[in-house]
Every structure is written in C-alpha cells, then in structure tokens.
Amino acid sequence: MSKTKIISFIDHVGRVIVGEHVKTKDNVHHIKEPAVVNVQMSQENGQISVQLLPYIFREFVSEKTREKGAIWQFKDESVVMSSNLELDAAIIKQYQNIFSQPVAKAAKPVEGAPEPEVIKLFDE
C-alpha cells in the first residue's frame, strides 16, 4: 500500500472507528474504508480480543467502488478526534489486510449435482 494516514476516532454513538484519512474540508472528515473496532472478552479465559469490522463489506459494493475504496463523510461536530493518537503497527496491519484481500466469488452450481438435503428446524 502507498503511504496512507490511518487514523482512529470516536463516532457519534461511541464506536471507535479506524480508517484512511483522505481529507478534511468544511469541517467534514473524508474517511476511506472505515472499520469499527469490536472488542470481545472470552468467556473461557477472560482474555480480550480485538476485531476490525468494515462499515460495509466489500462484497456488497460494485467492483468499481471496491477498487477505489468507499469514502464516508463524518461531520466534525459528531466525532471526537485525538490530537496525538498513534495507532499500533499491528492494528494498522490488521486494517490494511482487511481491505487488501481479494473478494471471494460465489461458486456456480454444478450442473446435474444433487440438491442439498433440507433440514427442518421446526415442526409445522
């Protein structure tokens, strides 16, 4: 990836967002491919794990948008920014990996293949 500025901020509902800062114009931050930081605690050992979840999955957008990257706009009055936050290299790498992976193509059904068995979950 080229030299990009990956930033983090808090959105209007309190989620931590990580994304590529494209520009700020007229008090609006243009963020390419934002991702929500999801923190989970393991019930087994109490350890905390961190996941980055894209605002919108790449499979949902056109190929053209996927290649360019979706840019979202966040108004300055609805976010909280840090003046000196530097993200850890592992988080930046995880973010970059999410958006650099190829999108999986749906497999075409094989002609003449048997239909999968339908399993009823509830009695009718």
N, C-alpha and C. Protein backbone atom coordinates (compact mmCIF):
# COMPACT_ATOMS: atom_id res chain seq x y z
N MET A 1 0.84 -1.19 0.00
CA MET A 1 0.00 0.00 0.00
C MET A 1 0.88 1.24 0.00
N SER A 2 0.37 2.27 -0.60
CA SER A 2 1.11 3.52 -0.62
C SER A 2 1.09 4.16 0.76
N LYS A 3 1.81 5.24 0.90
CA LYS A 3 1.88 5.95 2.17
C LYS A 3 0.53 6.57 2.46
N THR A 4 -0.19 6.01 3.42
CA THR A 4 -1.51 6.50 3.79
C THR A 4 -1.50 6.87 5.27
N LYS A 5 -2.47 7.69 5.63
CA LYS A 5 -2.60 8.10 7.02
C LYS A 5 -3.81 7.39 7.61
N ILE A 6 -3.54 6.36 8.42
CA ILE A 6 -4.60 5.61 9.08
C ILE A 6 -4.84 6.28 10.43
N ILE A 7 -6.11 6.68 10.66
CA ILE A 7 -6.44 7.38 11.90
C ILE A 7 -7.53 6.63 12.65
N SER A 8 -7.75 7.04 13.87
CA SER A 8 -8.82 6.49 14.69
C SER A 8 -9.54 7.64 15.37
N PHE A 9 -10.87 7.48 15.53
CA PHE A 9 -11.67 8.50 16.20
C PHE A 9 -12.92 7.83 16.77
N ILE A 10 -13.69 8.57 17.53
CA ILE A 10 -14.93 8.07 18.13
C ILE A 10 -16.10 8.70 17.36
N ASP A 11 -17.05 7.85 16.91
CA ASP A 11 -18.19 8.40 16.17
C ASP A 11 -19.29 8.84 17.14
N HIS A 12 -20.41 9.30 16.60
CA HIS A 12 -21.48 9.90 17.40
C HIS A 12 -22.20 8.91 18.32
N VAL A 13 -22.02 7.61 18.13
CA VAL A 13 -22.63 6.64 19.03
C VAL A 13 -21.61 5.94 19.92
N GLY A 14 -20.39 6.44 19.93
CA GLY A 14 -19.36 5.93 20.83
C GLY A 14 -18.52 4.79 20.32
N ARG A 15 -18.62 4.48 19.03
CA ARG A 15 -17.79 3.41 18.47
C ARG A 15 -16.42 3.97 18.08
N VAL A 16 -15.40 3.16 18.28
CA VAL A 16 -14.06 3.53 17.82
C VAL A 16 -13.97 3.14 16.34
N ILE A 17 -13.60 4.11 15.51
CA ILE A 17 -13.51 3.91 14.06
C ILE A 17 -12.04 4.04 13.65
N VAL A 18 -11.60 3.14 12.77
CA VAL A 18 -10.27 3.22 12.17
C VAL A 18 -10.47 3.35 10.67
N GLY A 19 -9.72 4.24 10.03
CA GLY A 19 -9.86 4.38 8.59
C GLY A 19 -8.75 5.24 8.01
N GLU A 20 -8.73 5.27 6.69
CA GLU A 20 -7.73 6.07 5.98
C GLU A 20 -8.25 7.50 5.81
N HIS A 21 -7.53 8.45 6.39
CA HIS A 21 -7.92 9.85 6.27
C HIS A 21 -7.58 10.35 4.86
N VAL A 22 -8.62 10.74 4.11
CA VAL A 22 -8.42 11.23 2.75
C VAL A 22 -8.23 12.74 2.78
N LYS A 23 -9.17 13.44 3.43
CA LYS A 23 -9.08 14.90 3.55
C LYS A 23 -10.10 15.37 4.58
N THR A 24 -9.92 16.60 5.02
CA THR A 24 -10.92 17.29 5.84
C THR A 24 -11.21 18.60 5.15
N LYS A 25 -12.49 18.81 4.84
CA LYS A 25 -12.89 20.02 4.13
C LYS A 25 -14.24 20.47 4.68
N ASP A 26 -14.34 21.75 4.98
CA ASP A 26 -15.58 22.33 5.52
C ASP A 26 -16.07 21.57 6.75
N ASN A 27 -15.15 21.25 7.65
CA ASN A 27 -15.45 20.54 8.90
C ASN A 27 -16.06 19.16 8.68
N VAL A 28 -15.72 18.53 7.55
CA VAL A 28 -16.16 17.17 7.27
C VAL A 28 -14.92 16.33 6.99
N HIS A 29 -14.79 15.23 7.73
CA HIS A 29 -13.66 14.32 7.55
C HIS A 29 -14.06 13.26 6.52
N HIS A 30 -13.27 13.11 5.48
CA HIS A 30 -13.49 12.10 4.45
C HIS A 30 -12.60 10.91 4.78
N ILE A 31 -13.23 9.79 5.12
CA ILE A 31 -12.52 8.61 5.59
C ILE A 31 -12.78 7.46 4.61
N LYS A 32 -11.70 6.92 4.08
CA LYS A 32 -11.80 5.81 3.14
C LYS A 32 -11.82 4.50 3.90
N GLU A 33 -12.80 3.66 3.57
CA GLU A 33 -12.93 2.32 4.12
C GLU A 33 -12.83 2.28 5.66
N PRO A 34 -13.76 2.96 6.33
CA PRO A 34 -13.73 2.92 7.80
C PRO A 34 -14.10 1.53 8.32
N ALA A 35 -13.58 1.23 9.48
CA ALA A 35 -13.87 -0.04 10.15
C ALA A 35 -14.14 0.24 11.62
N VAL A 36 -15.06 -0.51 12.19
CA VAL A 36 -15.42 -0.37 13.59
C VAL A 36 -14.55 -1.32 14.41
N VAL A 37 -14.01 -0.82 15.52
CA VAL A 37 -13.24 -1.66 16.43
C VAL A 37 -14.23 -2.39 17.32
N ASN A 38 -14.17 -3.72 17.29
CA ASN A 38 -15.06 -4.56 18.09
C ASN A 38 -14.21 -5.28 19.12
N VAL A 39 -14.50 -5.03 20.39
CA VAL A 39 -13.74 -5.65 21.48
C VAL A 39 -14.63 -6.71 22.13
N GLN A 40 -14.08 -7.92 22.28
CA GLN A 40 -14.82 -9.01 22.89
C GLN A 40 -13.99 -9.64 23.99
N MET A 41 -14.68 -10.08 25.03
CA MET A 41 -13.99 -10.78 26.11
C MET A 41 -14.36 -12.25 26.03
N SER A 42 -13.37 -13.11 26.09
CA SER A 42 -13.58 -14.55 26.05
C SER A 42 -14.22 -15.00 27.36
N GLN A 43 -15.29 -15.79 27.24
CA GLN A 43 -15.95 -16.34 28.43
C GLN A 43 -15.08 -17.41 29.11
N GLU A 44 -14.20 -18.03 28.33
CA GLU A 44 -13.39 -19.12 28.85
C GLU A 44 -12.24 -18.65 29.73
N ASN A 45 -11.51 -17.63 29.25
CA ASN A 45 -10.31 -17.24 29.99
C ASN A 45 -10.25 -15.75 30.33
N GLY A 46 -11.27 -14.99 29.95
CA GLY A 46 -11.30 -13.57 30.30
C GLY A 46 -10.40 -12.70 29.44
N GLN A 47 -9.76 -13.27 28.44
CA GLN A 47 -8.88 -12.50 27.56
C GLN A 47 -9.71 -11.64 26.62
N ILE A 48 -9.16 -10.50 26.26
CA ILE A 48 -9.84 -9.58 25.36
C ILE A 48 -9.28 -9.76 23.95
N SER A 49 -10.18 -9.80 22.97
CA SER A 49 -9.75 -9.85 21.58
C SER A 49 -10.32 -8.64 20.85
N VAL A 50 -9.60 -8.20 19.84
CA VAL A 50 -9.99 -7.02 19.08
C VAL A 50 -10.18 -7.43 17.62
N GLN A 51 -11.32 -7.02 17.06
CA GLN A 51 -11.60 -7.26 15.65
C GLN A 51 -11.90 -5.92 14.99
N LEU A 52 -11.59 -5.81 13.72
CA LEU A 52 -11.99 -4.65 12.93
C LEU A 52 -13.06 -5.12 11.95
N LEU A 53 -14.22 -4.48 12.00
CA LEU A 53 -15.34 -4.84 11.13
C LEU A 53 -15.60 -3.69 10.17
N PRO A 54 -15.53 -3.94 8.87
CA PRO A 54 -15.76 -2.86 7.90
C PRO A 54 -17.14 -2.24 8.06
N TYR A 55 -17.26 -0.94 7.81
CA TYR A 55 -18.57 -0.27 7.80
C TYR A 55 -19.51 -0.97 6.84
N ILE A 56 -19.01 -1.32 5.68
CA ILE A 56 -19.78 -2.08 4.71
C ILE A 56 -18.84 -3.11 4.10
N PHE A 57 -19.33 -4.32 3.97
CA PHE A 57 -18.48 -5.38 3.44
C PHE A 57 -18.23 -5.16 1.95
N ARG A 58 -17.02 -5.44 1.52
CA ARG A 58 -16.61 -5.22 0.13
C ARG A 58 -17.47 -5.99 -0.86
N GLU A 59 -18.00 -7.11 -0.44
CA GLU A 59 -18.85 -7.92 -1.31
C GLU A 59 -20.16 -7.21 -1.65
N PHE A 60 -20.54 -6.20 -0.88
CA PHE A 60 -21.81 -5.51 -1.08
C PHE A 60 -21.73 -4.36 -2.08
N VAL A 61 -20.53 -3.96 -2.48
CA VAL A 61 -20.38 -2.79 -3.35
C VAL A 61 -19.90 -3.22 -4.74
N SER A 62 -20.07 -2.31 -5.69
CA SER A 62 -19.65 -2.61 -7.06
C SER A 62 -18.14 -2.79 -7.13
N GLU A 63 -17.71 -3.45 -8.18
CA GLU A 63 -16.28 -3.68 -8.36
C GLU A 63 -15.52 -2.36 -8.47
N LYS A 64 -16.13 -1.38 -9.15
CA LYS A 64 -15.51 -0.06 -9.31
C LYS A 64 -15.28 0.60 -7.95
N THR A 65 -16.31 0.57 -7.11
CA THR A 65 -16.19 1.16 -5.76
C THR A 65 -15.20 0.39 -4.93
N ARG A 66 -15.21 -0.92 -5.08
CA ARG A 66 -14.28 -1.78 -4.34
C ARG A 66 -12.84 -1.43 -4.65
N GLU A 67 -12.55 -1.19 -5.93
CA GLU A 67 -11.18 -0.87 -6.34
C GLU A 67 -10.74 0.50 -5.82
N LYS A 68 -11.64 1.47 -5.88
CA LYS A 68 -11.31 2.83 -5.42
C LYS A 68 -11.34 2.94 -3.89
N GLY A 69 -12.25 2.18 -3.29
CA GLY A 69 -12.46 2.27 -1.85
C GLY A 69 -13.58 3.24 -1.54
N ALA A 70 -14.55 2.80 -0.76
CA ALA A 70 -15.68 3.65 -0.39
C ALA A 70 -15.21 4.72 0.59
N ILE A 71 -15.60 5.95 0.32
CA ILE A 71 -15.24 7.08 1.19
C ILE A 71 -16.49 7.55 1.91
N TRP A 72 -16.40 7.61 3.21
CA TRP A 72 -17.51 8.03 4.06
C TRP A 72 -17.19 9.40 4.65
N GLN A 73 -18.22 10.18 4.92
CA GLN A 73 -18.04 11.52 5.45
C GLN A 73 -18.55 11.59 6.89
N PHE A 74 -17.71 12.14 7.75
CA PHE A 74 -18.05 12.30 9.16
C PHE A 74 -17.94 13.78 9.52
N LYS A 75 -19.05 14.35 9.97
CA LYS A 75 -19.05 15.77 10.36
C LYS A 75 -18.25 15.95 11.62
N ASP A 76 -17.50 17.04 11.66
CA ASP A 76 -16.62 17.34 12.78
C ASP A 76 -17.38 17.39 14.11
N GLU A 77 -18.61 17.93 14.08
CA GLU A 77 -19.36 18.07 15.34
C GLU A 77 -19.90 16.75 15.86
N SER A 78 -19.81 15.67 15.07
CA SER A 78 -20.35 14.39 15.53
C SER A 78 -19.27 13.35 15.84
N VAL A 79 -18.01 13.76 15.84
CA VAL A 79 -16.93 12.83 16.16
C VAL A 79 -16.00 13.44 17.20
N VAL A 80 -15.24 12.57 17.83
CA VAL A 80 -14.21 13.01 18.77
C VAL A 80 -12.88 12.54 18.21
N MET A 81 -11.96 13.49 18.02
CA MET A 81 -10.65 13.17 17.45
C MET A 81 -9.58 13.40 18.52
N SER A 82 -8.51 12.64 18.44
CA SER A 82 -7.36 12.83 19.32
C SER A 82 -6.31 13.64 18.56
N SER A 83 -5.62 14.50 19.29
CA SER A 83 -4.58 15.31 18.64
C SER A 83 -3.23 14.60 18.59
N ASN A 84 -3.07 13.51 19.36
CA ASN A 84 -1.75 12.87 19.39
C ASN A 84 -1.79 11.34 19.41
N LEU A 85 -2.89 10.74 18.97
CA LEU A 85 -3.01 9.29 18.98
C LEU A 85 -2.22 8.68 17.83
N GLU A 86 -1.39 7.70 18.14
CA GLU A 86 -0.68 6.93 17.13
C GLU A 86 -1.08 5.48 17.29
N LEU A 87 -1.62 4.90 16.23
CA LEU A 87 -2.05 3.51 16.29
C LEU A 87 -0.87 2.56 16.28
N ASP A 88 -1.04 1.44 16.96
CA ASP A 88 -0.03 0.39 16.98
C ASP A 88 0.10 -0.22 15.58
N ALA A 89 1.30 -0.63 15.23
CA ALA A 89 1.55 -1.20 13.90
C ALA A 89 0.70 -2.44 13.63
N ALA A 90 0.42 -3.24 14.66
CA ALA A 90 -0.38 -4.46 14.48
C ALA A 90 -1.81 -4.11 14.08
N ILE A 91 -2.38 -3.05 14.63
CA ILE A 91 -3.74 -2.63 14.28
C ILE A 91 -3.76 -2.09 12.85
N ILE A 92 -2.77 -1.31 12.48
CA ILE A 92 -2.68 -0.79 11.11
C ILE A 92 -2.56 -1.93 10.12
N LYS A 93 -1.74 -2.93 10.44
CA LYS A 93 -1.57 -4.09 9.55
C LYS A 93 -2.89 -4.85 9.42
N GLN A 94 -3.59 -5.05 10.54
CA GLN A 94 -4.87 -5.76 10.51
C GLN A 94 -5.86 -4.98 9.63
N TYR A 95 -5.90 -3.66 9.77
CA TYR A 95 -6.77 -2.82 8.95
C TYR A 95 -6.42 -2.97 7.47
N GLN A 96 -5.16 -2.88 7.14
CA GLN A 96 -4.73 -2.98 5.74
C GLN A 96 -5.05 -4.36 5.16
N ASN A 97 -4.90 -5.41 5.96
CA ASN A 97 -5.20 -6.76 5.49
C ASN A 97 -6.68 -6.94 5.14
N ILE A 98 -7.56 -6.29 5.89
CA ILE A 98 -8.99 -6.40 5.62
C ILE A 98 -9.31 -5.93 4.21
N PHE A 99 -8.71 -4.81 3.81
CA PHE A 99 -9.07 -4.19 2.54
C PHE A 99 -8.14 -4.56 1.39
N SER A 100 -7.15 -5.40 1.64
CA SER A 100 -6.27 -5.82 0.56
C SER A 100 -6.55 -7.25 0.09
N GLN A 101 -7.36 -7.97 0.84
CA GLN A 101 -7.67 -9.35 0.48
C GLN A 101 -8.61 -9.38 -0.72
N PRO A 102 -8.43 -10.33 -1.63
CA PRO A 102 -9.36 -10.44 -2.77
C PRO A 102 -10.74 -10.85 -2.28
N VAL A 103 -11.75 -10.36 -2.99
CA VAL A 103 -13.13 -10.70 -2.65
C VAL A 103 -13.46 -12.07 -3.24
N ALA A 104 -14.02 -12.92 -2.44
CA ALA A 104 -14.37 -14.27 -2.89
C ALA A 104 -15.53 -14.21 -3.87
N LYS A 105 -15.45 -14.99 -4.91
CA LYS A 105 -16.53 -15.10 -5.91
C LYS A 105 -17.44 -16.25 -5.49
N ALA A 106 -18.74 -16.06 -5.72
CA ALA A 106 -19.69 -17.12 -5.41
C ALA A 106 -19.49 -18.28 -6.38
N ALA A 107 -19.50 -19.48 -5.85
CA ALA A 107 -19.32 -20.66 -6.69
C ALA A 107 -20.59 -20.92 -7.49
N LYS A 108 -20.41 -21.26 -8.76
CA LYS A 108 -21.55 -21.59 -9.61
C LYS A 108 -21.95 -23.03 -9.33
N PRO A 109 -23.27 -23.29 -9.30
CA PRO A 109 -23.69 -24.67 -9.05
C PRO A 109 -23.28 -25.58 -10.19
N VAL A 110 -22.91 -26.79 -9.84
CA VAL A 110 -22.50 -27.79 -10.82
C VAL A 110 -23.76 -28.39 -11.44
N GLU A 111 -23.81 -28.40 -12.76
CA GLU A 111 -24.97 -28.95 -13.45
C GLU A 111 -25.09 -30.44 -13.18
N GLY A 112 -26.30 -30.87 -12.82
CA GLY A 112 -26.53 -32.28 -12.56
C GLY A 112 -26.20 -32.70 -11.13
N ALA A 113 -25.70 -31.77 -10.31
CA ALA A 113 -25.38 -32.12 -8.92
C ALA A 113 -26.68 -32.25 -8.13
N PRO A 114 -26.73 -33.17 -7.17
CA PRO A 114 -27.95 -33.34 -6.39
C PRO A 114 -28.21 -32.11 -5.50
N GLU A 115 -29.49 -31.83 -5.28
CA GLU A 115 -29.87 -30.73 -4.39
C GLU A 115 -29.48 -31.09 -2.96
N PRO A 116 -29.02 -30.11 -2.18
CA PRO A 116 -28.70 -30.42 -0.79
C PRO A 116 -29.97 -30.75 -0.01
N GLU A 117 -29.82 -31.61 0.99
CA GLU A 117 -30.96 -32.02 1.80
C GLU A 117 -31.44 -30.85 2.65
N VAL A 118 -32.75 -30.66 2.70
CA VAL A 118 -33.35 -29.60 3.52
C VAL A 118 -33.61 -30.17 4.89
N ILE A 119 -33.14 -29.46 5.90
CA ILE A 119 -33.33 -29.89 7.28
C ILE A 119 -34.35 -28.98 7.92
N LYS A 120 -35.44 -29.54 8.42
CA LYS A 120 -36.48 -28.76 9.08
C LYS A 120 -36.07 -28.52 10.53
N LEU A 121 -36.08 -27.26 10.92
CA LEU A 121 -35.71 -26.91 12.29
C LEU A 121 -36.91 -26.93 13.23
N PHE A 122 -38.10 -26.69 12.67
CA PHE A 122 -39.31 -26.62 13.49
C PHE A 122 -40.39 -27.49 12.88
N ASP A 123 -41.20 -28.09 13.72
CA ASP A 123 -42.35 -28.85 13.23
C ASP A 123 -43.40 -27.87 12.76
N GLU A 124 -44.05 -28.23 11.68
CA GLU A 124 -45.08 -27.32 11.16
C GLU A 124 -46.45 -27.77 11.57
